């Protein structure tokens, strides 16, 4: 089953390569969507793809790359959307 999720990650997640590693992980799991930095210092991700892949991706988001410190991960169900590939905004 295909699902779409919005994920907000709070912690030391900017200036540590979080978006770059997020893109790599999403592509590895065949997820589409995007990742972007927010003005409040958090990272926002929207992904669409198979539920099992999205679940694995969300688990990865709880740690992120080794230089990151993830304090909180908030996940929301959103309507399915069409996106080709995974981008960094």
PDB file of N, CA and C in Angstrom:
ATOM      1  N   UNK A   1       0.838  -1.184   0.000  1.00  0.00           N
ATOM      2  CA  UNK A   1       0.000   0.000   0.000  1.00  0.00           C
ATOM      3  C   UNK A   1       0.883   1.247   0.000  1.00  0.00           C
ATOM      4  N   UNK A   2       0.506   2.228  -0.816  1.00  0.00           N
ATOM      5  CA  UNK A   2       1.253   3.488  -0.862  1.00  0.00           C
ATOM      6  C   UNK A   2       0.742   4.432   0.215  1.00  0.00           C
ATOM      7  N   UNK A   3       1.677   5.141   0.827  1.00  0.00           N
ATOM      8  CA  UNK A   3       1.350   6.114   1.864  1.00  0.00           C
ATOM      9  C   UNK A   3       2.142   7.382   1.612  1.00  0.00           C
ATOM     10  N   UNK A   4       1.682   8.465   2.213  1.00  0.00           N
ATOM     11  CA  UNK A   4       2.408   9.733   2.184  1.00  0.00           C
ATOM     12  C   UNK A   4       2.521  10.242   3.615  1.00  0.00           C
ATOM     13  N   UNK A   5       3.702  10.716   3.962  1.00  0.00           N
ATOM     14  CA  UNK A   5       3.974  11.184   5.322  1.00  0.00           C
ATOM     15  C   UNK A   5       4.680  12.528   5.291  1.00  0.00           C
ATOM     16  N   UNK A   6       4.348  13.348   6.265  1.00  0.00           N
ATOM     17  CA  UNK A   6       5.095  14.580   6.535  1.00  0.00           C
ATOM     18  C   UNK A   6       5.841  14.336   7.837  1.00  0.00           C
ATOM     19  N   UNK A   7       7.135  14.606   7.832  1.00  0.00           N
ATOM     20  CA  UNK A   7       7.983  14.320   8.987  1.00  0.00           C
ATOM     21  C   UNK A   7       8.709  15.602   9.369  1.00  0.00           C
ATOM     22  N   UNK A   8       8.610  15.986  10.626  1.00  0.00           N
ATOM     23  CA  UNK A   8       9.359  17.142  11.121  1.00  0.00           C
ATOM     24  C   UNK A   8      10.366  16.628  12.138  1.00  0.00           C
ATOM     25  N   UNK A   9      11.619  17.021  11.932  1.00  0.00           N
ATOM     26  CA  UNK A   9      12.704  16.554  12.786  1.00  0.00           C
ATOM     27  C   UNK A   9      13.313  17.751  13.489  1.00  0.00           C
ATOM     28  N   UNK A  10      13.385  17.652  14.809  1.00  0.00           N
ATOM     29  CA  UNK A  10      13.886  18.740  15.646  1.00  0.00           C
ATOM     30  C   UNK A  10      15.148  18.259  16.352  1.00  0.00           C
ATOM     31  N   UNK A  11      16.123  19.134  16.437  1.00  0.00           N
ATOM     32  CA  UNK A  11      17.393  18.825  17.094  1.00  0.00           C
ATOM     33  C   UNK A  11      18.514  19.555  16.381  1.00  0.00           C
ATOM     34  N   UNK A  12      19.714  19.006  16.464  1.00  0.00           N
ATOM     35  CA  UNK A  12      20.847  19.564  15.705  1.00  0.00           C
ATOM     36  C   UNK A  12      20.842  18.868  14.351  1.00  0.00           C
ATOM     37  N   UNK A  13      19.988  19.399  13.452  1.00  0.00           N
ATOM     38  CA  UNK A  13      19.757  18.724  12.180  1.00  0.00           C
ATOM     39  C   UNK A  13      20.060  19.616  10.969  1.00  0.00           C
ATOM     40  N   UNK A  14      20.557  20.818  11.216  1.00  0.00           N
ATOM     41  CA  UNK A  14      21.013  21.662  10.112  1.00  0.00           C
ATOM     42  C   UNK A  14      22.520  21.829  10.219  1.00  0.00           C
ATOM     43  N   UNK A  15      23.161  21.993   9.065  1.00  0.00           N
ATOM     44  CA  UNK A  15      24.626  22.125   8.962  1.00  0.00           C
ATOM     45  C   UNK A  15      25.363  20.858   9.377  1.00  0.00           C
ATOM     46  N   UNK A  16      24.694  19.703   9.233  1.00  0.00           N
ATOM     47  CA  UNK A  16      25.341  18.414   9.544  1.00  0.00           C
ATOM     48  C   UNK A  16      25.145  17.429   8.390  1.00  0.00           C
ATOM     49  N   UNK A  17      24.710  17.918   7.228  1.00  0.00           N
ATOM     50  CA  UNK A  17      24.487  17.053   6.073  1.00  0.00           C
ATOM     51  C   UNK A  17      23.192  16.262   6.116  1.00  0.00           C
ATOM     52  N   UNK A  18      22.265  16.675   6.975  1.00  0.00           N
ATOM     53  CA  UNK A  18      21.040  15.898   7.160  1.00  0.00           C
ATOM     54  C   UNK A  18      20.252  15.771   5.858  1.00  0.00           C
ATOM     55  N   UNK A  19      20.108  16.860   5.118  1.00  0.00           N
ATOM     56  CA  UNK A  19      19.325  16.804   3.877  1.00  0.00           C
ATOM     57  C   UNK A  19      19.977  15.879   2.853  1.00  0.00           C
ATOM     58  N   UNK A  20      21.288  15.948   2.726  1.00  0.00           N
ATOM     59  CA  UNK A  20      22.013  15.101   1.777  1.00  0.00           C
ATOM     60  C   UNK A  20      21.813  13.621   2.114  1.00  0.00           C
ATOM     61  N   UNK A  21      21.992  13.253   3.369  1.00  0.00           N
ATOM     62  CA  UNK A  21      21.834  11.855   3.771  1.00  0.00           C
ATOM     63  C   UNK A  21      20.377  11.410   3.704  1.00  0.00           C
ATOM     64  N   UNK A  22      19.455  12.336   3.957  1.00  0.00           N
ATOM     65  CA  UNK A  22      18.035  12.030   3.823  1.00  0.00           C
ATOM     66  C   UNK A  22      17.705  11.672   2.377  1.00  0.00           C
ATOM     67  N   UNK A  23      18.222  12.450   1.442  1.00  0.00           N
ATOM     68  CA  UNK A  23      17.996  12.177   0.018  1.00  0.00           C
ATOM     69  C   UNK A  23      18.528  10.799  -0.345  1.00  0.00           C
ATOM     70  N   UNK A  24      19.737  10.471   0.093  1.00  0.00           N
ATOM     71  CA  UNK A  24      20.332   9.163  -0.202  1.00  0.00           C
ATOM     72  C   UNK A  24      19.485   8.031   0.359  1.00  0.00           C
ATOM     73  N   UNK A  25      19.016   8.176   1.598  1.00  0.00           N
ATOM     74  CA  UNK A  25      18.211   7.118   2.231  1.00  0.00           C
ATOM     75  C   UNK A  25      16.879   6.963   1.511  1.00  0.00           C
ATOM     76  N   UNK A  26      16.238   8.066   1.167  1.00  0.00           N
ATOM     77  CA  UNK A  26      14.957   8.008   0.464  1.00  0.00           C
ATOM     78  C   UNK A  26      15.116   7.318  -0.896  1.00  0.00           C
ATOM     79  N   UNK A  27      16.166   7.662  -1.620  1.00  0.00           N
ATOM     80  CA  UNK A  27      16.403   7.041  -2.923  1.00  0.00           C
ATOM     81  C   UNK A  27      16.693   5.545  -2.764  1.00  0.00           C
ATOM     82  N   UNK A  28      17.441   5.185  -1.735  1.00  0.00           N
ATOM     83  CA  UNK A  28      17.741   3.771  -1.455  1.00  0.00           C
ATOM     84  C   UNK A  28      16.446   2.982  -1.240  1.00  0.00           C
ATOM     85  N   UNK A  29      15.450   3.624  -0.635  1.00  0.00           N
ATOM     86  CA  UNK A  29      14.183   2.959  -0.320  1.00  0.00           C
ATOM     87  C   UNK A  29      13.097   3.212  -1.379  1.00  0.00           C
ATOM     88  N   UNK A  30      13.480   3.823  -2.505  1.00  0.00           N
ATOM     89  CA  UNK A  30      12.545   4.120  -3.601  1.00  0.00           C
ATOM     90  C   UNK A  30      11.374   4.996  -3.152  1.00  0.00           C
ATOM     91  N   UNK A  31      11.662   5.974  -2.314  1.00  0.00           N
ATOM     92  CA  UNK A  31      10.660   6.934  -1.876  1.00  0.00           C
ATOM     93  C   UNK A  31      10.808   8.219  -2.686  1.00  0.00           C
ATOM     94  N   UNK A  32       9.714   8.867  -2.956  1.00  0.00           N
ATOM     95  CA  UNK A  32       9.720  10.158  -3.645  1.00  0.00           C
ATOM     96  C   UNK A  32       9.333  11.247  -2.656  1.00  0.00           C
ATOM     97  N   UNK A  33       9.688  12.480  -2.980  1.00  0.00           N
ATOM     98  CA  UNK A  33       9.328  13.594  -2.121  1.00  0.00           C
ATOM     99  C   UNK A  33      10.425  14.626  -2.052  1.00  0.00           C
ATOM    100  N   UNK A  34      10.562  15.243  -0.879  1.00  0.00           N
ATOM    101  CA  UNK A  34      11.569  16.285  -0.715  1.00  0.00           C
ATOM    102  C   UNK A  34      11.914  16.477   0.760  1.00  0.00           C
ATOM    103  N   UNK A  35      13.025  17.148   0.978  1.00  0.00           N
ATOM    104  CA  UNK A  35      13.473  17.537   2.316  1.00  0.00           C
ATOM    105  C   UNK A  35      13.874  19.007   2.250  1.00  0.00           C
ATOM    106  N   UNK A  36      13.581  19.755   3.316  1.00  0.00           N
ATOM    107  CA  UNK A  36      13.993  21.156   3.343  1.00  0.00           C
ATOM    108  C   UNK A  36      14.243  21.603   4.776  1.00  0.00           C
ATOM    109  N   UNK A  37      15.151  22.562   4.915  1.00  0.00           N
ATOM    110  CA  UNK A  37      15.396  23.200   6.200  1.00  0.00           C
ATOM    111  C   UNK A  37      14.289  24.204   6.470  1.00  0.00           C
ATOM    112  N   UNK A  38      13.919  24.334   7.741  1.00  0.00           N
ATOM    113  CA  UNK A  38      12.932  25.319   8.156  1.00  0.00           C
ATOM    114  C   UNK A  38      13.650  26.442   8.917  1.00  0.00           C
ATOM    115  N   UNK A  39      13.044  27.615   8.946  1.00  0.00           N
ATOM    116  CA  UNK A  39      13.644  28.763   9.619  1.00  0.00           C
ATOM    117  C   UNK A  39      13.837  28.534  11.110  1.00  0.00           C
ATOM    118  N   UNK A  40      13.022  27.661  11.718  1.00  0.00           N
ATOM    119  CA  UNK A  40      13.132  27.409  13.160  1.00  0.00           C
ATOM    120  C   UNK A  40      14.255  26.432  13.515  1.00  0.00           C
ATOM    121  N   UNK A  41      15.043  25.988  12.509  1.00  0.00           N
ATOM    122  CA  UNK A  41      16.158  25.077  12.758  1.00  0.00           C
ATOM    123  C   UNK A  41      15.812  23.615  12.589  1.00  0.00           C
ATOM    124  N   UNK A  42      14.554  23.318  12.318  1.00  0.00           N
ATOM    125  CA  UNK A  42      14.143  21.927  12.107  1.00  0.00           C
ATOM    126  C   UNK A  42      14.282  21.562  10.629  1.00  0.00           C
ATOM    127  N   UNK A  43      14.052  20.294  10.340  1.00  0.00           N
ATOM    128  CA  UNK A  43      14.032  19.793   8.967  1.00  0.00           C
ATOM    129  C   UNK A  43      12.649  19.214   8.715  1.00  0.00           C
ATOM    130  N   UNK A  44      12.087  19.532   7.553  1.00  0.00           N
ATOM    131  CA  UNK A  44      10.777  19.032   7.160  1.00  0.00           C
ATOM    132  C   UNK A  44      10.947  18.116   5.949  1.00  0.00           C
ATOM    133  N   UNK A  45      10.302  16.962   5.995  1.00  0.00           N
ATOM    134  CA  UNK A  45      10.375  15.975   4.919  1.00  0.00           C
ATOM    135  C   UNK A  45       8.959  15.583   4.535  1.00  0.00           C
ATOM    136  N   UNK A  46       8.712  15.451   3.242  1.00  0.00           N
ATOM    137  CA  UNK A  46       7.484  14.836   2.760  1.00  0.00           C
ATOM    138  C   UNK A  46       7.889  13.691   1.854  1.00  0.00           C
ATOM    139  N   UNK A  47       7.358  12.498   2.141  1.00  0.00           N
ATOM    140  CA  UNK A  47       7.684  11.309   1.354  1.00  0.00           C
ATOM    141  C   UNK A  47       6.410  10.599   0.930  1.00  0.00           C
ATOM    142  N   UNK A  48       6.510   9.922  -0.199  1.00  0.00           N
ATOM    143  CA  UNK A  48       5.423   9.079  -0.683  1.00  0.00           C
ATOM    144  C   UNK A  48       6.038   7.805  -1.241  1.00  0.00           C
ATOM    145  N   UNK A  49       5.417   6.671  -0.927  1.00  0.00           N
ATOM    146  CA  UNK A  49       5.922   5.390  -1.402  1.00  0.00           C
ATOM    147  C   UNK A  49       5.281   4.241  -0.656  1.00  0.00           C
ATOM    148  N   UNK A  50       5.871   3.076  -0.787  1.00  0.00           N
ATOM    149  CA  UNK A  50       5.337   1.884  -0.127  1.00  0.00           C
ATOM    150  C   UNK A  50       5.430   2.025   1.396  1.00  0.00           C
ATOM    151  N   UNK A  51       4.418   1.533   2.079  1.00  0.00           N
ATOM    152  CA  UNK A  51       4.321   1.693   3.527  1.00  0.00           C
ATOM    153  C   UNK A  51       5.526   1.116   4.264  1.00  0.00           C
ATOM    154  N   UNK A  52       5.992  -0.067   3.865  1.00  0.00           N
ATOM    155  CA  UNK A  52       7.137  -0.674   4.560  1.00  0.00           C
ATOM    156  C   UNK A  52       8.393   0.179   4.391  1.00  0.00           C
ATOM    157  N   UNK A  53       8.587   0.742   3.208  1.00  0.00           N
ATOM    158  CA  UNK A  53       9.744   1.613   2.971  1.00  0.00           C
ATOM    159  C   UNK A  53       9.616   2.900   3.784  1.00  0.00           C
ATOM    160  N   UNK A  54       8.412   3.456   3.835  1.00  0.00           N
ATOM    161  CA  UNK A  54       8.194   4.682   4.614  1.00  0.00           C
ATOM    162  C   UNK A  54       8.454   4.430   6.098  1.00  0.00           C
ATOM    163  N   UNK A  55       8.017   3.275   6.594  1.00  0.00           N
ATOM    164  CA  UNK A  55       8.268   2.932   8.000  1.00  0.00           C
ATOM    165  C   UNK A  55       9.761   2.823   8.293  1.00  0.00           C
ATOM    166  N   UNK A  56      10.500   2.180   7.387  1.00  0.00           N
ATOM    167  CA  UNK A  56      11.953   2.054   7.576  1.00  0.00           C
ATOM    168  C   UNK A  56      12.616   3.427   7.535  1.00  0.00           C
ATOM    169  N   UNK A  57      12.160   4.275   6.627  1.00  0.00           N
ATOM    170  CA  UNK A  57      12.698   5.629   6.508  1.00  0.00           C
ATOM    171  C   UNK A  57      12.456   6.426   7.787  1.00  0.00           C
ATOM    172  N   UNK A  58      11.257   6.318   8.334  1.00  0.00           N
ATOM    173  CA  UNK A  58      10.930   7.035   9.573  1.00  0.00           C
ATOM    174  C   UNK A  58      11.818   6.555  10.715  1.00  0.00           C
ATOM    175  N   UNK A  59      12.070   5.264  10.786  1.00  0.00           N
ATOM    176  CA  UNK A  59      12.980   4.744  11.821  1.00  0.00           C
ATOM    177  C   UNK A  59      14.377   5.358  11.655  1.00  0.00           C
ATOM    178  N   UNK A  60      14.852   5.459  10.411  1.00  0.00           N
ATOM    179  CA  UNK A  60      16.152   6.070  10.155  1.00  0.00           C
ATOM    180  C   UNK A  60      16.163   7.525  10.613  1.00  0.00           C
ATOM    181  N   UNK A  61      15.048   8.230  10.417  1.00  0.00           N
ATOM    182  CA  UNK A  61      14.966   9.653  10.793  1.00  0.00           C
ATOM    183  C   UNK A  61      15.187   9.869  12.286  1.00  0.00           C
ATOM    184  N   UNK A  62      14.935   8.872  13.099  1.00  0.00           N
ATOM    185  CA  UNK A  62      15.136   9.011  14.546  1.00  0.00           C
ATOM    186  C   UNK A  62      16.610   9.139  14.925  1.00  0.00           C
ATOM    187  N   UNK A  63      17.511   8.763  14.020  1.00  0.00           N
ATOM    188  CA  UNK A  63      18.937   8.938  14.293  1.00  0.00           C
ATOM    189  C   UNK A  63      19.604   9.839  13.262  1.00  0.00           C
ATOM    190  N   UNK A  64      19.259   9.675  11.985  1.00  0.00           N
ATOM    191  CA  UNK A  64      19.856  10.493  10.932  1.00  0.00           C
ATOM    192  C   UNK A  64      21.337  10.194  10.771  1.00  0.00           C
ATOM    193  N   UNK A  65      22.084  11.103  10.127  1.00  0.00           N
ATOM    194  CA  UNK A  65      23.523  10.890   9.961  1.00  0.00           C
ATOM    195  C   UNK A  65      24.252  11.025  11.304  1.00  0.00           C
ATOM    196  N   UNK A  66      25.461  10.533  11.352  1.00  0.00           N
ATOM    197  CA  UNK A  66      26.187  10.456  12.627  1.00  0.00           C
ATOM    198  C   UNK A  66      26.437  11.805  13.287  1.00  0.00           C
ATOM    199  N   UNK A  67      26.470  12.889  12.519  1.00  0.00           N
ATOM    200  CA  UNK A  67      26.758  14.205  13.102  1.00  0.00           C
ATOM    201  C   UNK A  67      25.512  14.884  13.650  1.00  0.00           C
ATOM    202  N   UNK A  68      24.356  14.327  13.352  1.00  0.00           N
ATOM    203  CA  UNK A  68      23.102  14.933  13.793  1.00  0.00           C
ATOM    204  C   UNK A  68      22.755  14.511  15.220  1.00  0.00           C
ATOM    205  N   UNK A  69      21.922  15.332  15.855  1.00  0.00           N
ATOM    206  CA  UNK A  69      21.327  14.962  17.150  1.00  0.00           C
ATOM    207  C   UNK A  69      19.821  15.180  17.002  1.00  0.00           C
ATOM    208  N   UNK A  70      19.098  14.094  16.966  1.00  0.00           N
ATOM    209  CA  UNK A  70      17.651  14.167  16.790  1.00  0.00           C
ATOM    210  C   UNK A  70      16.997  14.157  18.165  1.00  0.00           C
ATOM    211  N   UNK A  71      16.275  15.226  18.465  1.00  0.00           N
ATOM    212  CA  UNK A  71      15.559  15.333  19.738  1.00  0.00           C
ATOM    213  C   UNK A  71      14.113  14.871  19.615  1.00  0.00           C
ATOM    214  N   UNK A  72      13.513  15.101  18.452  1.00  0.00           N
ATOM    215  CA  UNK A  72      12.093  14.796  18.284  1.00  0.00           C
ATOM    216  C   UNK A  72      11.791  14.523  16.814  1.00  0.00           C
ATOM    217  N   UNK A  73      10.937  13.537  16.569  1.00  0.00           N
ATOM    218  CA  UNK A  73      10.446  13.242  15.224  1.00  0.00           C
ATOM    219  C   UNK A  73       8.925  13.222  15.289  1.00  0.00           C
ATOM    220  N   UNK A  74       8.306  14.097  14.525  1.00  0.00           N
ATOM    221  CA  UNK A  74       6.847  14.148  14.465  1.00  0.00           C
ATOM    222  C   UNK A  74       6.419  13.691  13.076  1.00  0.00           C
ATOM    223  N   UNK A  75       5.477  12.740  13.029  1.00  0.00           N
ATOM    224  CA  UNK A  75       5.046  12.152  11.763  1.00  0.00           C
ATOM    225  C   UNK A  75       3.548  12.367  11.597  1.00  0.00           C
ATOM    226  N   UNK A  76       3.183  12.815  10.408  1.00  0.00           N
ATOM    227  CA  UNK A  76       1.777  13.076  10.092  1.00  0.00           C
ATOM    228  C   UNK A  76       1.409  12.370   8.790  1.00  0.00           C
ATOM    229  N   UNK A  77       0.227  11.780   8.737  1.00  0.00           N
ATOM    230  CA  UNK A  77      -0.298  11.258   7.485  1.00  0.00           C
ATOM    231  C   UNK A  77      -0.778  12.434   6.651  1.00  0.00           C
ATOM    232  N   UNK A  78      -0.445  12.421   5.363  1.00  0.00           N
ATOM    233  CA  UNK A  78      -0.915  13.453   4.441  1.00  0.00           C
ATOM    234  C   UNK A  78      -1.490  12.758   3.212  1.00  0.00           C
ATOM    235  N   UNK A  79      -2.252  13.485   2.397  1.00  0.00           N
ATOM    236  CA  UNK A  79      -2.800  12.878   1.174  1.00  0.00           C
ATOM    237  C   UNK A  79      -1.679  12.457   0.219  1.00  0.00           C
ATOM    238  N   UNK A  80      -1.921  11.376  -0.512  1.00  0.00           N
ATOM    239  CA  UNK A  80      -0.956  10.943  -1.521  1.00  0.00           C
ATOM    240  C   UNK A  80      -0.711  12.075  -2.506  1.00  0.00           C
ATOM    241  N   UNK A  81       0.532  12.183  -2.987  1.00  0.00           N
ATOM    242  CA  UNK A  81       0.877  13.204  -3.961  1.00  0.00           C
ATOM    243  C   UNK A  81       1.814  12.593  -4.992  1.00  0.00           C
ATOM    244  N   UNK A  82       1.900  13.224  -6.126  1.00  0.00           N
ATOM    245  CA  UNK A  82       2.780  12.760  -7.202  1.00  0.00           C
ATOM    246  C   UNK A  82       4.083  13.547  -7.147  1.00  0.00           C
ATOM    247  N   UNK A  83       5.162  12.838  -7.151  1.00  0.00           N
ATOM    248  CA  UNK A  83       6.485  13.450  -7.131  1.00  0.00           C
ATOM    249  C   UNK A  83       7.423  12.488  -7.843  1.00  0.00           C
ATOM    250  N   UNK A  84       8.239  13.005  -8.735  1.00  0.00           N
ATOM    251  CA  UNK A  84       9.220  12.170  -9.417  1.00  0.00           C
ATOM    252  C   UNK A  84      10.573  12.358  -8.746  1.00  0.00           C
ATOM    253  N   UNK A  85      11.065  11.323  -8.110  1.00  0.00           N
ATOM    254  CA  UNK A  85      12.342  11.398  -7.436  1.00  0.00           C
ATOM    255  C   UNK A  85      12.249  12.041  -6.072  1.00  0.00           C
ATOM    256  N   UNK A  86      13.405  12.329  -5.500  1.00  0.00           N
ATOM    257  CA  UNK A  86      13.479  12.933  -4.188  1.00  0.00           C
ATOM    258  C   UNK A  86      14.407  14.132  -4.280  1.00  0.00           C
ATOM    259  N   UNK A  87      13.923  15.290  -3.845  1.00  0.00           N
ATOM    260  CA  UNK A  87      14.698  16.511  -3.990  1.00  0.00           C
ATOM    261  C   UNK A  87      15.041  17.184  -2.686  1.00  0.00           C
ATOM    262  N   UNK A  88      16.028  18.054  -2.759  1.00  0.00           N
ATOM    263  CA  UNK A  88      16.420  18.903  -1.633  1.00  0.00           C
ATOM    264  C   UNK A  88      15.977  20.318  -1.991  1.00  0.00           C
ATOM    265  N   UNK A  89      15.216  20.914  -1.082  1.00  0.00           N
ATOM    266  CA  UNK A  89      14.749  22.296  -1.316  1.00  0.00           C
ATOM    267  C   UNK A  89      15.476  23.251  -0.393  1.00  0.00           C
TER     268      UNK A  89
END
